[in-house]
Amino acid sequence: MTRATLDRYNIVDLEDVAAEIAEQVRVLDGLVRYRFGDNAELMGAWASARNVLGPFKPKGEPGAGGSQTPKAA
């Protein structure tokens, strides 16, 4: 894509925002590791929370998991 196309759809701005969010998560990761590094349960929860996968669907879309009961693992 050309810079003009990226600017047209504000993709450059989104990339800047994503980079800033990633930096904030890295800072938060350091703080969490420092404060809770000796607590395996909390560190496991943090590892899970910081590795959320996307893309996300709004609640109104089919397959978003609204009122469906999750299947047992």
PDB file of N, CA and C in Angstrom:
ATOM      1  N   MET A   1       0.833  -1.169   0.000  1.00  0.00           N
ATOM      2  CA  MET A   1       0.000   0.000   0.000  1.00  0.00           C
ATOM      3  C   MET A   1       0.889   1.248   0.000  1.00  0.00           C
ATOM      4  N   THR A   2       0.401   2.243  -0.648  1.00  0.00           N
ATOM      5  CA  THR A   2       1.137   3.502  -0.670  1.00  0.00           C
ATOM      6  C   THR A   2       0.839   4.309   0.582  1.00  0.00           C
ATOM      7  N   ARG A   3       1.691   5.268   0.867  1.00  0.00           N
ATOM      8  CA  ARG A   3       1.490   6.135   2.029  1.00  0.00           C
ATOM      9  C   ARG A   3       0.152   6.878   1.918  1.00  0.00           C
ATOM     10  N   ALA A   4      -0.212   7.299   0.698  1.00  0.00           N
ATOM     11  CA  ALA A   4      -1.478   8.010   0.497  1.00  0.00           C
ATOM     12  C   ALA A   4      -2.669   7.115   0.850  1.00  0.00           C
ATOM     13  N   THR A   5      -2.595   5.843   0.454  1.00  0.00           N
ATOM     14  CA  THR A   5      -3.673   4.907   0.769  1.00  0.00           C
ATOM     15  C   THR A   5      -3.753   4.694   2.271  1.00  0.00           C
ATOM     16  N   LEU A   6      -2.594   4.532   2.915  1.00  0.00           N
ATOM     17  CA  LEU A   6      -2.572   4.347   4.356  1.00  0.00           C
ATOM     18  C   LEU A   6      -3.150   5.567   5.068  1.00  0.00           C
ATOM     19  N   ASP A   7      -2.749   6.761   4.616  1.00  0.00           N
ATOM     20  CA  ASP A   7      -3.268   7.992   5.224  1.00  0.00           C
ATOM     21  C   ASP A   7      -4.767   8.119   5.011  1.00  0.00           C
ATOM     22  N   ARG A   8      -5.228   7.727   3.829  1.00  0.00           N
ATOM     23  CA  ARG A   8      -6.650   7.846   3.502  1.00  0.00           C
ATOM     24  C   ARG A   8      -7.514   7.076   4.488  1.00  0.00           C
ATOM     25  N   TYR A   9      -7.052   5.921   4.893  1.00  0.00           N
ATOM     26  CA  TYR A   9      -7.837   5.080   5.799  1.00  0.00           C
ATOM     27  C   TYR A   9      -7.366   5.180   7.248  1.00  0.00           C
ATOM     28  N   ASN A  10      -6.512   6.157   7.536  1.00  0.00           N
ATOM     29  CA  ASN A  10      -6.003   6.376   8.890  1.00  0.00           C
ATOM     30  C   ASN A  10      -5.293   5.159   9.461  1.00  0.00           C
ATOM     31  N   ILE A  11      -4.761   4.322   8.597  1.00  0.00           N
ATOM     32  CA  ILE A  11      -4.059   3.124   9.049  1.00  0.00           C
ATOM     33  C   ILE A  11      -2.776   3.511   9.764  1.00  0.00           C
ATOM     34  N   VAL A  12      -2.120   4.554   9.300  1.00  0.00           N
ATOM     35  CA  VAL A  12      -0.890   4.997   9.948  1.00  0.00           C
ATOM     36  C   VAL A  12      -1.190   5.368  11.397  1.00  0.00           C
ATOM     37  N   ASP A  13      -2.279   6.075  11.625  1.00  0.00           N
ATOM     38  CA  ASP A  13      -2.656   6.436  12.992  1.00  0.00           C
ATOM     39  C   ASP A  13      -2.912   5.195  13.840  1.00  0.00           C
ATOM     40  N   LEU A  14      -3.582   4.206  13.281  1.00  0.00           N
ATOM     41  CA  LEU A  14      -3.856   2.975  14.014  1.00  0.00           C
ATOM     42  C   LEU A  14      -2.568   2.232  14.342  1.00  0.00           C
ATOM     43  N   GLU A  15      -1.625   2.240  13.417  1.00  0.00           N
ATOM     44  CA  GLU A  15      -0.342   1.593  13.669  1.00  0.00           C
ATOM     45  C   GLU A  15       0.406   2.307  14.788  1.00  0.00           C
ATOM     46  N   ASP A  16       0.329   3.631  14.821  1.00  0.00           N
ATOM     47  CA  ASP A  16       0.958   4.398  15.894  1.00  0.00           C
ATOM     48  C   ASP A  16       0.317   4.070  17.237  1.00  0.00           C
ATOM     49  N   VAL A  17      -0.999   3.989  17.249  1.00  0.00           N
ATOM     50  CA  VAL A  17      -1.721   3.658  18.483  1.00  0.00           C
ATOM     51  C   VAL A  17      -1.346   2.244  18.931  1.00  0.00           C
ATOM     52  N   ALA A  18      -1.310   1.311  18.015  1.00  0.00           N
ATOM     53  CA  ALA A  18      -0.954  -0.067  18.354  1.00  0.00           C
ATOM     54  C   ALA A  18       0.461  -0.148  18.923  1.00  0.00           C
ATOM     55  N   ALA A  19       1.387   0.609  18.356  1.00  0.00           N
ATOM     56  CA  ALA A  19       2.764   0.628  18.860  1.00  0.00           C
ATOM     57  C   ALA A  19       2.810   1.203  20.273  1.00  0.00           C
ATOM     58  N   GLU A  20       2.039   2.241  20.527  1.00  0.00           N
ATOM     59  CA  GLU A  20       1.999   2.839  21.863  1.00  0.00           C
ATOM     60  C   GLU A  20       1.398   1.870  22.876  1.00  0.00           C
ATOM     61  N   ILE A  21       0.347   1.180  22.492  1.00  0.00           N
ATOM     62  CA  ILE A  21      -0.268   0.194  23.387  1.00  0.00           C
ATOM     63  C   ILE A  21       0.711  -0.928  23.693  1.00  0.00           C
ATOM     64  N   ALA A  22       1.414  -1.403  22.673  1.00  0.00           N
ATOM     65  CA  ALA A  22       2.400  -2.470  22.875  1.00  0.00           C
ATOM     66  C   ALA A  22       3.491  -2.022  23.844  1.00  0.00           C
ATOM     67  N   GLU A  23       3.935  -0.785  23.730  1.00  0.00           N
ATOM     68  CA  GLU A  23       4.949  -0.253  24.649  1.00  0.00           C
ATOM     69  C   GLU A  23       4.406  -0.198  26.076  1.00  0.00           C
ATOM     70  N   GLN A  24       3.163   0.232  26.234  1.00  0.00           N
ATOM     71  CA  GLN A  24       2.558   0.299  27.563  1.00  0.00           C
ATOM     72  C   GLN A  24       2.435  -1.093  28.182  1.00  0.00           C
ATOM     73  N   VAL A  25       2.113  -2.094  27.373  1.00  0.00           N
ATOM     74  CA  VAL A  25       2.015  -3.468  27.875  1.00  0.00           C
ATOM     75  C   VAL A  25       3.393  -3.957  28.309  1.00  0.00           C
ATOM     76  N   ARG A  26       4.448  -3.606  27.558  1.00  0.00           N
ATOM     77  CA  ARG A  26       5.801  -4.003  27.961  1.00  0.00           C
ATOM     78  C   ARG A  26       6.180  -3.380  29.308  1.00  0.00           C
ATOM     79  N   VAL A  27       5.828  -2.116  29.500  1.00  0.00           N
ATOM     80  CA  VAL A  27       6.102  -1.452  30.781  1.00  0.00           C
ATOM     81  C   VAL A  27       5.316  -2.126  31.899  1.00  0.00           C
ATOM     82  N   LEU A  28       4.045  -2.358  31.658  1.00  0.00           N
ATOM     83  CA  LEU A  28       3.203  -3.020  32.657  1.00  0.00           C
ATOM     84  C   LEU A  28       3.724  -4.420  32.963  1.00  0.00           C
ATOM     85  N   ASP A  29       4.200  -5.125  31.947  1.00  0.00           N
ATOM     86  CA  ASP A  29       4.755  -6.460  32.136  1.00  0.00           C
ATOM     87  C   ASP A  29       5.931  -6.416  33.113  1.00  0.00           C
ATOM     88  N   GLY A  30       6.803  -5.421  32.941  1.00  0.00           N
ATOM     89  CA  GLY A  30       7.934  -5.288  33.853  1.00  0.00           C
ATOM     90  C   GLY A  30       7.488  -5.023  35.279  1.00  0.00           C
ATOM     91  N   LEU A  31       6.485  -4.164  35.447  1.00  0.00           N
ATOM     92  CA  LEU A  31       5.973  -3.865  36.786  1.00  0.00           C
ATOM     93  C   LEU A  31       5.341  -5.094  37.438  1.00  0.00           C
ATOM     94  N   VAL A  32       4.556  -5.826  36.656  1.00  0.00           N
ATOM     95  CA  VAL A  32       3.892  -7.027  37.186  1.00  0.00           C
ATOM     96  C   VAL A  32       4.931  -8.070  37.561  1.00  0.00           C
ATOM     97  N   ARG A  33       5.931  -8.264  36.712  1.00  0.00           N
ATOM     98  CA  ARG A  33       6.981  -9.249  37.016  1.00  0.00           C
ATOM     99  C   ARG A  33       7.760  -8.864  38.275  1.00  0.00           C
ATOM    100  N   TYR A  34       8.017  -7.573  38.434  1.00  0.00           N
ATOM    101  CA  TYR A  34       8.736  -7.103  39.624  1.00  0.00           C
ATOM    102  C   TYR A  34       7.905  -7.317  40.887  1.00  0.00           C
ATOM    103  N   ARG A  35       6.645  -6.932  40.817  1.00  0.00           N
ATOM    104  CA  ARG A  35       5.791  -6.974  42.007  1.00  0.00           C
ATOM    105  C   ARG A  35       5.303  -8.372  42.352  1.00  0.00           C
ATOM    106  N   PHE A  36       4.948  -9.168  41.347  1.00  0.00           N
ATOM    107  CA  PHE A  36       4.316 -10.463  41.593  1.00  0.00           C
ATOM    108  C   PHE A  36       5.133 -11.644  41.076  1.00  0.00           C
ATOM    109  N   GLY A  37       6.381 -11.426  40.754  1.00  0.00           N
ATOM    110  CA  GLY A  37       7.220 -12.471  40.149  1.00  0.00           C
ATOM    111  C   GLY A  37       7.357 -13.733  40.967  1.00  0.00           C
ATOM    112  N   ASP A  38       7.194 -13.639  42.286  1.00  0.00           N
ATOM    113  CA  ASP A  38       7.338 -14.827  43.132  1.00  0.00           C
ATOM    114  C   ASP A  38       6.017 -15.561  43.358  1.00  0.00           C
ATOM    115  N   ASN A  39       4.948 -15.090  42.753  1.00  0.00           N
ATOM    116  CA  ASN A  39       3.638 -15.717  42.904  1.00  0.00           C
ATOM    117  C   ASN A  39       3.252 -16.391  41.584  1.00  0.00           C
ATOM    118  N   ALA A  40       3.445 -17.704  41.534  1.00  0.00           N
ATOM    119  CA  ALA A  40       3.235 -18.456  40.293  1.00  0.00           C
ATOM    120  C   ALA A  40       1.787 -18.343  39.785  1.00  0.00           C
ATOM    121  N   GLU A  41       0.833 -18.329  40.697  1.00  0.00           N
ATOM    122  CA  GLU A  41      -0.570 -18.257  40.284  1.00  0.00           C
ATOM    123  C   GLU A  41      -0.869 -16.918  39.597  1.00  0.00           C
ATOM    124  N   LEU A  42      -0.417 -15.821  40.195  1.00  0.00           N
ATOM    125  CA  LEU A  42      -0.648 -14.510  39.593  1.00  0.00           C
ATOM    126  C   LEU A  42       0.122 -14.340  38.291  1.00  0.00           C
ATOM    127  N   MET A  43       1.328 -14.875  38.237  1.00  0.00           N
ATOM    128  CA  MET A  43       2.107 -14.763  37.003  1.00  0.00           C
ATOM    129  C   MET A  43       1.458 -15.570  35.880  1.00  0.00           C
ATOM    130  N   GLY A  44       0.849 -16.701  36.223  1.00  0.00           N
ATOM    131  CA  GLY A  44       0.126 -17.478  35.226  1.00  0.00           C
ATOM    132  C   GLY A  44      -1.089 -16.720  34.710  1.00  0.00           C
ATOM    133  N   ALA A  45      -1.784 -16.058  35.626  1.00  0.00           N
ATOM    134  CA  ALA A  45      -2.949 -15.263  35.228  1.00  0.00           C
ATOM    135  C   ALA A  45      -2.513 -14.087  34.354  1.00  0.00           C
ATOM    136  N   TRP A  46      -1.389 -13.465  34.700  1.00  0.00           N
ATOM    137  CA  TRP A  46      -0.879 -12.343  33.911  1.00  0.00           C
ATOM    138  C   TRP A  46      -0.469 -12.821  32.509  1.00  0.00           C
ATOM    139  N   ALA A  47       0.206 -13.958  32.431  1.00  0.00           N
ATOM    140  CA  ALA A  47       0.612 -14.495  31.134  1.00  0.00           C
ATOM    141  C   ALA A  47      -0.614 -14.733  30.254  1.00  0.00           C
ATOM    142  N   SER A  48      -1.676 -15.226  30.858  1.00  0.00           N
ATOM    143  CA  SER A  48      -2.907 -15.464  30.118  1.00  0.00           C
ATOM    144  C   SER A  48      -3.540 -14.147  29.674  1.00  0.00           C
ATOM    145  N   ALA A  49      -3.570 -13.167  30.564  1.00  0.00           N
ATOM    146  CA  ALA A  49      -4.217 -11.890  30.266  1.00  0.00           C
ATOM    147  C   ALA A  49      -3.464 -11.099  29.205  1.00  0.00           C
ATOM    148  N   ARG A  50      -2.154 -11.177  29.190  1.00  0.00           N
ATOM    149  CA  ARG A  50      -1.399 -10.362  28.248  1.00  0.00           C
ATOM    150  C   ARG A  50      -1.277 -11.016  26.879  1.00  0.00           C
ATOM    151  N   ASN A  51      -1.715 -12.243  26.744  1.00  0.00           N
ATOM    152  CA  ASN A  51      -1.637 -12.943  25.469  1.00  0.00           C
ATOM    153  C   ASN A  51      -3.008 -13.227  24.887  1.00  0.00           C
ATOM    154  N   VAL A  52      -3.881 -12.256  24.959  1.00  0.00           N
ATOM    155  CA  VAL A  52      -5.225 -12.391  24.409  1.00  0.00           C
ATOM    156  C   VAL A  52      -5.135 -12.360  22.888  1.00  0.00           C
ATOM    157  N   LEU A  53      -5.853 -13.243  22.250  1.00  0.00           N
ATOM    158  CA  LEU A  53      -5.858 -13.293  20.792  1.00  0.00           C
ATOM    159  C   LEU A  53      -7.074 -12.573  20.241  1.00  0.00           C
ATOM    160  N   GLY A  54      -6.980 -12.064  19.046  1.00  0.00           N
ATOM    161  CA  GLY A  54      -8.090 -11.414  18.373  1.00  0.00           C
ATOM    162  C   GLY A  54      -8.282 -12.086  17.042  1.00  0.00           C
ATOM    163  N   PRO A  55      -9.070 -11.604  16.133  1.00  0.00           N
ATOM    164  CA  PRO A  55      -9.884 -10.408  16.258  1.00  0.00           C
ATOM    165  C   PRO A  55     -11.131 -10.666  17.091  1.00  0.00           C
ATOM    166  N   PHE A  56     -11.689  -9.601  17.594  1.00  0.00           N
ATOM    167  CA  PHE A  56     -12.860  -9.704  18.439  1.00  0.00           C
ATOM    168  C   PHE A  56     -14.092  -9.324  17.644  1.00  0.00           C
ATOM    169  N   LYS A  57     -15.197  -9.960  17.992  1.00  0.00           N
ATOM    170  CA  LYS A  57     -16.462  -9.685  17.316  1.00  0.00           C
ATOM    171  C   LYS A  57     -17.405  -9.002  18.301  1.00  0.00           C
ATOM    172  N   PRO A  58     -18.162  -8.029  17.828  1.00  0.00           N
ATOM    173  CA  PRO A  58     -19.158  -7.410  18.702  1.00  0.00           C
ATOM    174  C   PRO A  58     -20.170  -8.449  19.177  1.00  0.00           C
ATOM    175  N   LYS A  59     -20.796  -8.202  20.308  1.00  0.00           N
ATOM    176  CA  LYS A  59     -21.736  -9.157  20.891  1.00  0.00           C
ATOM    177  C   LYS A  59     -22.894  -9.501  19.974  1.00  0.00           C
ATOM    178  N   GLY A  60     -23.282  -8.585  19.087  1.00  0.00           N
ATOM    179  CA  GLY A  60     -24.427  -8.819  18.219  1.00  0.00           C
ATOM    180  C   GLY A  60     -24.147  -9.758  17.058  1.00  0.00           C
ATOM    181  N   GLU A  61     -22.872  -9.995  16.741  1.00  0.00           N
ATOM    182  CA  GLU A  61     -22.547 -10.853  15.600  1.00  0.00           C
ATOM    183  C   GLU A  61     -22.675 -12.322  15.970  1.00  0.00           C
ATOM    184  N   PRO A  62     -23.072 -13.145  15.003  1.00  0.00           N
ATOM    185  CA  PRO A  62     -23.141 -14.588  15.263  1.00  0.00           C
ATOM    186  C   PRO A  62     -21.754 -15.115  15.593  1.00  0.00           C
ATOM    187  N   GLY A  63     -21.694 -16.059  16.503  1.00  0.00           N
ATOM    188  CA  GLY A  63     -20.419 -16.667  16.867  1.00  0.00           C
ATOM    189  C   GLY A  63     -19.637 -15.866  17.881  1.00  0.00           C
ATOM    190  N   ALA A  64     -20.201 -14.790  18.393  1.00  0.00           N
ATOM    191  CA  ALA A  64     -19.503 -13.962  19.358  1.00  0.00           C
ATOM    192  C   ALA A  64     -19.580 -14.556  20.762  1.00  0.00           C
ATOM    193  N   GLY A  65     -20.362 -15.577  20.930  1.00  0.00           N
ATOM    194  CA  GLY A  65     -20.422 -16.253  22.217  1.00  0.00           C
ATOM    195  C   GLY A  65     -21.439 -15.686  23.186  1.00  0.00           C
ATOM    196  N   GLY A  66     -22.295 -14.813  22.736  1.00  0.00           N
ATOM    197  CA  GLY A  66     -23.291 -14.147  23.565  1.00  0.00           C
ATOM    198  C   GLY A  66     -23.837 -14.960  24.707  1.00  0.00           C
ATOM    199  N   SER A  67     -24.891 -15.740  24.489  1.00  0.00           N
ATOM    200  CA  SER A  67     -25.497 -16.500  25.585  1.00  0.00           C
ATOM    201  C   SER A  67     -25.238 -17.993  25.443  1.00  0.00           C
ATOM    202  N   GLN A  68     -24.317 -18.354  24.592  1.00  0.00           N
ATOM    203  CA  GLN A  68     -23.998 -19.764  24.403  1.00  0.00           C
ATOM    204  C   GLN A  68     -23.201 -20.282  25.586  1.00  0.00           C
ATOM    205  N   THR A  69     -23.474 -21.519  25.979  1.00  0.00           N
ATOM    206  CA  THR A  69     -22.721 -22.148  27.044  1.00  0.00           C
ATOM    207  C   THR A  69     -21.456 -22.745  26.464  1.00  0.00           C
ATOM    208  N   PRO A  70     -20.270 -22.434  27.058  1.00  0.00           N
ATOM    209  CA  PRO A  70     -19.041 -23.006  26.517  1.00  0.00           C
ATOM    210  C   PRO A  70     -19.008 -24.513  26.692  1.00  0.00           C
ATOM    211  N   LYS A  71     -18.391 -25.187  25.754  1.00  0.00           N
ATOM    212  CA  LYS A  71     -18.261 -26.645  25.833  1.00  0.00           C
ATOM    213  C   LYS A  71     -17.191 -27.014  26.843  1.00  0.00           C
ATOM    214  N   ALA A  72     -17.385 -28.136  27.524  1.00  0.00           N
ATOM    215  CA  ALA A  72     -16.397 -28.587  28.503  1.00  0.00           C
ATOM    216  C   ALA A  72     -15.148 -29.017  27.776  1.00  0.00           C
ATOM    217  N   ALA A  73     -14.004 -28.741  28.372  1.00  0.00           N
ATOM    218  CA  ALA A  73     -12.716 -29.103  27.763  1.00  0.00           C
ATOM    219  C   ALA A  73     -12.376 -30.534  27.993  1.00  0.00           C
TER     220      ALA A  73
END
